[in-house]
Amino acid sequence: MLSLNQNINLNFNFFSLLIQEEFLRNAFIATILASILCGLIGPFVYVRKIGMIAGSVAHAVLGGMGIAYYFGAAPILGALIAALIVAWIIGWVTLHYKKYEDTITNALWSLGMAVGIIFIFKTPGYDVQLMSYLFGNILMITRHDLYLMAGLGLFVAILIFTFYKELVAISFDEEFSRLKGIKVNLFYYLLLSLVSITTVVLVQMVGLILVITLFILPAAISSYFFNRLSKIIFVAMFVGFTLMNVGLWMSYQLNWPSGATIILSFTFVYLLIMLIKRIKLI
């Protein structure tokens, strides 16, 4: 076991490196941007119960990246196009053929992975950055990635604040929203598009396999303490930022993969709060 002095030295080294090393600073800034996105989109995914759809979109990203990489284009562009196409297909099926939603969602989930693997396999050479999208590595995020995250994040935030009432209405009561004259189909497609954009941003941090956790758990943790969606959004941002950095610090201390360690921090806190709630201590 580490002594107290060794622990203090490790903590000091981490925060010292955070100041000195650009890759750690980039990772820290990425947690801020990602926590804002998680807080903005996650509660809608959680309330609307479209976690499976978000998961299918996340896995379809690999197909888009594989195709883009094969043809020499930017993987993130392929990821964005694939995510939007899959989201719109599932959205159309959900709105018009609800009974086939689960089947189509799972089929596209598998198809995205299969297409991505095939195109990556057929592309000569091995791209480490492409693999980082699969498993995630927040420590590989560059300043260019941060600009992209900030730009997409601002775009998502503007749309959410502009159409906040409509998105809340379709998330809680679709039929009532139709009676109120809200274009439910249009805003459902908008919500799925925002989920797609956010997915593309977050896969760089934890990988497409684990990205669904960042949509669900911050909102789930916040919902244990608040019922109002506006409060859940802001608390989810704080929870996301805090636990991402706890995971980042733990990955440094234990020399573990950063993406997986971040997910462990979320899962542990969620299960702990759920257990405490069960025995009614809070």
Protein backbone atom coordinates (compact mmCIF):
# COMPACT_ATOMS: atom_id res chain seq x y z
CA MET A 1 0.00 0.00 0.00
CA LEU A 2 1.11 3.57 -0.63
CA SER A 3 2.10 5.66 2.36
CA LEU A 4 0.53 9.04 3.06
CA ASN A 5 3.64 10.85 1.77
CA GLN A 6 3.59 8.80 -1.44
CA ASN A 7 -0.07 9.66 -1.98
CA ILE A 8 0.62 13.35 -1.44
CA ASN A 9 3.51 13.19 -3.90
CA LEU A 10 1.34 11.47 -6.50
CA ASN A 11 -1.38 14.11 -6.09
CA PHE A 12 1.17 16.90 -6.33
CA ASN A 13 2.70 15.35 -9.44
CA PHE A 14 -0.69 15.09 -11.11
CA PHE A 15 -1.65 18.71 -10.49
CA SER A 16 1.84 19.87 -11.38
CA LEU A 17 1.63 18.00 -14.68
CA LEU A 18 -1.82 19.49 -15.26
CA ILE A 19 -0.18 22.92 -15.30
CA GLN A 20 2.91 21.92 -17.24
CA GLU A 21 1.72 19.39 -19.82
CA GLU A 22 -0.51 20.42 -22.72
CA PHE A 23 -2.06 16.96 -23.16
CA LEU A 24 -3.37 17.01 -19.57
CA ARG A 25 -4.63 20.57 -19.93
CA ASN A 26 -6.43 19.54 -23.10
CA ALA A 27 -7.95 16.58 -21.26
CA PHE A 28 -9.12 18.84 -18.43
CA ILE A 29 -10.72 21.34 -20.84
CA ALA A 30 -12.34 18.42 -22.66
CA THR A 31 -14.02 17.32 -19.41
CA ILE A 32 -15.53 20.81 -19.09
CA LEU A 33 -16.90 20.78 -22.64
CA ALA A 34 -18.09 17.18 -22.38
CA SER A 35 -19.82 17.76 -19.04
CA ILE A 36 -21.77 20.66 -20.54
CA LEU A 37 -22.86 18.48 -23.45
CA CYS A 38 -23.73 15.57 -21.14
CA GLY A 39 -25.77 17.88 -18.96
CA LEU A 40 -27.64 19.40 -21.89
CA ILE A 41 -28.48 16.24 -23.85
CA GLY A 42 -28.33 13.44 -21.26
CA PRO A 43 -31.49 14.42 -19.34
CA PHE A 44 -33.54 14.39 -22.55
CA VAL A 45 -32.17 10.95 -23.46
CA TYR A 46 -32.93 9.74 -19.93
CA VAL A 47 -36.44 11.20 -19.71
CA ARG A 48 -37.45 10.26 -23.28
CA LYS A 49 -36.03 6.76 -22.67
CA ILE A 50 -34.05 6.65 -25.91
CA GLY A 51 -30.88 5.18 -24.44
CA MET A 52 -31.01 2.24 -26.85
CA ILE A 53 -31.33 4.62 -29.79
CA ALA A 54 -28.37 6.64 -28.53
CA GLY A 55 -26.41 3.40 -28.21
CA SER A 56 -27.26 2.40 -31.78
CA VAL A 57 -26.17 5.82 -33.04
CA ALA A 58 -22.92 5.52 -31.09
CA HIS A 59 -22.09 2.15 -32.62
CA ALA A 60 -23.05 3.28 -36.12
CA VAL A 61 -20.32 5.91 -35.76
CA LEU A 62 -17.71 3.20 -36.32
CA GLY A 63 -19.20 2.39 -39.71
CA GLY A 64 -18.99 6.02 -40.79
CA MET A 65 -15.43 6.36 -39.58
CA GLY A 66 -14.35 3.15 -41.29
CA ILE A 67 -15.82 4.22 -44.64
CA ALA A 68 -14.32 7.72 -44.38
CA TYR A 69 -10.93 6.31 -43.45
CA TYR A 70 -11.03 3.85 -46.36
CA PHE A 71 -11.69 6.66 -48.87
CA GLY A 72 -9.12 9.02 -47.30
CA ALA A 73 -11.60 11.42 -45.69
CA ALA A 74 -11.64 12.71 -42.11
CA PRO A 75 -13.01 9.96 -39.81
CA ILE A 76 -14.96 12.45 -37.71
CA LEU A 77 -16.84 13.64 -40.82
CA GLY A 78 -17.84 10.06 -41.61
CA ALA A 79 -18.84 9.58 -37.98
CA LEU A 80 -21.13 12.61 -38.04
CA ILE A 81 -22.82 11.63 -41.31
CA ALA A 82 -23.35 8.02 -40.18
CA ALA A 83 -24.71 9.11 -36.80
CA LEU A 84 -27.24 11.48 -38.36
CA ILE A 85 -28.40 8.94 -40.98
CA VAL A 86 -28.92 6.19 -38.41
CA ALA A 87 -30.67 8.58 -36.00
CA TRP A 88 -33.09 9.74 -38.69
CA ILE A 89 -33.83 6.18 -39.86
CA ILE A 90 -34.62 5.08 -36.30
CA GLY A 91 -36.64 8.24 -35.74
CA TRP A 92 -38.72 7.57 -38.84
CA VAL A 93 -39.33 3.96 -37.82
CA THR A 94 -40.27 5.03 -34.28
CA LEU A 95 -42.77 7.60 -35.51
CA HIS A 96 -44.39 5.45 -38.22
CA TYR A 97 -43.75 1.80 -37.32
CA LYS A 98 -43.31 1.74 -33.55
CA LYS A 99 -43.53 -2.06 -33.27
CA TYR A 100 -40.34 -2.44 -35.33
CA GLU A 101 -38.32 0.09 -33.29
CA ASP A 102 -36.36 -2.43 -31.18
CA THR A 103 -35.58 -4.66 -34.16
CA ILE A 104 -34.36 -1.81 -36.37
CA THR A 105 -32.41 -0.23 -33.52
CA ASN A 106 -30.54 -3.45 -32.78
CA ALA A 107 -30.03 -4.21 -36.48
CA LEU A 108 -28.46 -0.80 -37.15
CA TRP A 109 -26.36 -1.15 -33.97
CA SER A 110 -24.84 -4.37 -35.33
CA LEU A 111 -24.65 -3.13 -38.92
CA GLY A 112 -22.65 -0.04 -37.94
CA MET A 113 -20.09 -2.12 -36.11
CA ALA A 114 -19.84 -4.69 -38.89
CA VAL A 115 -19.40 -2.11 -41.66
CA GLY A 116 -16.79 -0.24 -39.64
CA ILE A 117 -14.75 -3.36 -38.90
CA ILE A 118 -14.83 -4.46 -42.56
CA PHE A 119 -13.69 -1.10 -43.96
CA ILE A 120 -10.97 -0.71 -41.32
CA PHE A 121 -9.77 -4.23 -42.13
CA LYS A 122 -9.68 -3.46 -45.86
CA THR A 123 -7.72 -0.23 -45.37
CA PRO A 124 -3.95 -0.72 -45.59
CA GLY A 125 -2.00 0.19 -42.46
CA TYR A 126 -3.10 0.68 -38.88
CA ASP A 127 -4.41 3.97 -37.52
CA VAL A 128 -4.00 4.43 -33.77
CA GLN A 129 -6.23 7.50 -33.73
CA LEU A 130 -9.05 5.59 -35.39
CA MET A 131 -8.80 2.88 -32.74
CA SER A 132 -8.95 5.57 -30.04
CA TYR A 133 -12.49 6.35 -31.22
CA LEU A 134 -13.41 2.74 -30.50
CA PHE A 135 -11.95 2.56 -27.00
CA GLY A 136 -11.49 6.26 -26.20
CA ASN A 137 -8.45 8.13 -24.97
CA ILE A 138 -9.03 11.55 -23.48
CA LEU A 139 -5.25 12.05 -23.22
CA MET A 140 -4.95 12.06 -27.03
CA ILE A 141 -7.31 15.02 -27.49
CA THR A 142 -5.60 17.88 -29.32
CA ARG A 143 -6.25 21.60 -29.37
CA HIS A 144 -7.94 21.14 -32.74
CA ASP A 145 -10.27 18.59 -31.16
CA LEU A 146 -11.11 21.09 -28.42
CA TYR A 147 -12.05 23.74 -31.00
CA LEU A 148 -14.28 21.19 -32.71
CA MET A 149 -15.87 20.16 -29.40
CA ALA A 150 -16.45 23.79 -28.46
CA GLY A 151 -17.98 24.65 -31.84
CA LEU A 152 -20.33 21.67 -31.89
CA GLY A 153 -21.14 22.19 -28.22
CA LEU A 154 -22.09 25.81 -28.83
CA PHE A 155 -24.28 24.75 -31.75
CA VAL A 156 -26.05 22.16 -29.59
CA ALA A 157 -26.49 24.61 -26.70
CA ILE A 158 -28.02 27.29 -28.95
CA LEU A 159 -30.56 24.86 -30.38
CA ILE A 160 -31.50 23.49 -26.96
CA PHE A 161 -32.00 26.93 -25.41
CA THR A 162 -33.92 28.10 -28.48
CA PHE A 163 -36.32 25.14 -28.52
CA TYR A 164 -36.14 24.16 -24.85
CA LYS A 165 -39.91 24.25 -24.20
CA GLU A 166 -40.70 22.16 -27.26
CA LEU A 167 -38.02 19.56 -26.46
CA VAL A 168 -39.25 19.29 -22.88
CA ALA A 169 -42.86 18.90 -24.06
CA ILE A 170 -42.13 16.06 -26.52
CA SER A 171 -39.93 14.33 -23.96
CA PHE A 172 -42.63 14.13 -21.30
CA ASP A 173 -45.95 13.96 -23.15
CA GLU A 174 -46.02 13.46 -26.91
CA GLU A 175 -49.81 13.40 -27.29
CA PHE A 176 -50.34 16.57 -25.25
CA SER A 177 -47.64 18.25 -27.33
CA ARG A 178 -49.55 17.42 -30.51
CA LEU A 179 -52.73 18.91 -29.01
CA LYS A 180 -50.78 22.08 -28.19
CA GLY A 181 -49.80 22.39 -31.84
CA ILE A 182 -46.14 21.43 -31.40
CA LYS A 183 -44.60 19.72 -34.43
CA VAL A 184 -43.66 16.57 -32.55
CA ASN A 185 -42.04 14.78 -35.48
CA LEU A 186 -39.83 17.73 -36.35
CA PHE A 187 -38.57 18.21 -32.79
CA TYR A 188 -38.08 14.48 -32.32
CA TYR A 189 -35.78 14.48 -35.34
CA LEU A 190 -34.05 17.54 -33.90
CA LEU A 191 -33.48 15.78 -30.57
CA LEU A 192 -32.03 12.71 -32.32
CA SER A 193 -29.78 14.98 -34.40
CA LEU A 194 -28.47 16.64 -31.23
CA VAL A 195 -27.84 13.21 -29.72
CA SER A 196 -25.88 12.28 -32.86
CA ILE A 197 -23.70 15.40 -32.74
CA THR A 198 -23.02 14.94 -29.04
CA THR A 199 -22.12 11.28 -29.58
CA VAL A 200 -19.49 12.21 -32.17
CA VAL A 201 -17.95 14.68 -29.71
CA LEU A 202 -17.92 12.29 -26.75
CA VAL A 203 -16.53 9.19 -28.48
CA GLN A 204 -13.11 10.82 -28.48
CA MET A 205 -13.13 10.73 -24.68
CA VAL A 206 -14.41 7.30 -23.73
CA GLY A 207 -14.94 5.56 -27.05
CA LEU A 208 -18.16 4.57 -28.77
CA ILE A 209 -18.47 1.40 -26.65
CA LEU A 210 -18.81 3.38 -23.42
CA VAL A 211 -20.26 6.69 -24.59
CA ILE A 212 -23.84 5.80 -23.67
CA THR A 213 -22.83 5.96 -19.99
CA LEU A 214 -22.09 9.68 -20.33
CA PHE A 215 -25.60 10.25 -21.66
CA ILE A 216 -27.43 8.31 -18.97
CA LEU A 217 -25.60 8.24 -15.62
CA PRO A 218 -25.09 11.99 -14.91
CA ALA A 219 -28.80 12.54 -15.55
CA ALA A 220 -29.74 9.42 -13.58
CA ILE A 221 -27.65 10.51 -10.59
CA SER A 222 -29.17 14.02 -10.71
CA SER A 223 -32.72 12.67 -10.95
CA TYR A 224 -32.31 11.01 -7.55
CA PHE A 225 -32.27 14.49 -6.00
CA PHE A 226 -34.35 16.68 -8.36
CA ASN A 227 -37.51 16.26 -10.42
CA ARG A 228 -37.45 19.48 -12.42
CA LEU A 229 -35.63 19.00 -15.73
CA SER A 230 -33.89 22.38 -15.63
CA LYS A 231 -32.30 21.47 -12.28
CA ILE A 232 -31.38 17.99 -13.50
CA ILE A 233 -29.57 19.57 -16.46
CA PHE A 234 -27.39 21.85 -14.34
CA VAL A 235 -26.67 19.23 -11.68
CA ALA A 236 -25.82 16.71 -14.42
CA MET A 237 -23.23 19.17 -15.74
CA PHE A 238 -21.64 19.42 -12.30
CA VAL A 239 -21.77 15.64 -11.76
CA GLY A 240 -20.27 15.04 -15.18
CA PHE A 241 -17.42 17.47 -14.67
CA THR A 242 -16.62 16.18 -11.18
CA LEU A 243 -16.66 12.47 -12.00
CA MET A 244 -14.80 12.86 -15.28
CA ASN A 245 -11.97 14.52 -13.44
CA VAL A 246 -12.09 11.95 -10.65
CA GLY A 247 -11.75 9.29 -13.32
CA LEU A 248 -8.93 11.21 -15.03
CA TRP A 249 -7.07 11.54 -11.73
CA MET A 250 -7.60 7.85 -10.90
CA SER A 251 -6.34 6.77 -14.32
CA TYR A 252 -3.13 8.73 -13.67
CA GLN A 253 -2.70 7.33 -10.17
CA LEU A 254 -3.40 3.71 -11.12
CA ASN A 255 -2.04 3.78 -14.67
CA TRP A 256 -5.38 2.59 -16.03
CA PRO A 257 -7.02 3.44 -19.40
CA SER A 258 -8.59 6.87 -19.00
CA GLY A 259 -11.91 6.20 -20.75
CA ALA A 260 -12.68 3.02 -18.84
CA THR A 261 -11.65 4.60 -15.52
CA ILE A 262 -13.95 7.58 -16.11
CA ILE A 263 -16.84 5.19 -16.72
CA LEU A 264 -15.98 3.26 -13.53
CA SER A 265 -16.19 6.48 -11.50
CA PHE A 266 -19.69 7.21 -12.84
CA THR A 267 -20.89 3.66 -12.31
CA PHE A 268 -19.55 3.43 -8.76
CA VAL A 269 -21.19 6.69 -7.68
CA TYR A 270 -24.49 5.78 -9.33
CA LEU A 271 -24.63 2.35 -7.68
CA LEU A 272 -23.60 3.84 -4.32
CA ILE A 273 -26.36 6.46 -4.44
CA MET A 274 -28.90 3.85 -5.57
CA LEU A 275 -27.91 1.61 -2.63
CA ILE A 276 -28.12 4.48 -0.15
CA LYS A 277 -31.52 5.47 -1.53
CA ARG A 278 -32.72 1.89 -1.19
CA ILE A 279 -31.94 1.87 2.51
CA LYS A 280 -33.36 5.42 2.74
CA LEU A 281 -30.33 7.16 4.18
CA ILE A 282 -30.82 10.15 1.87
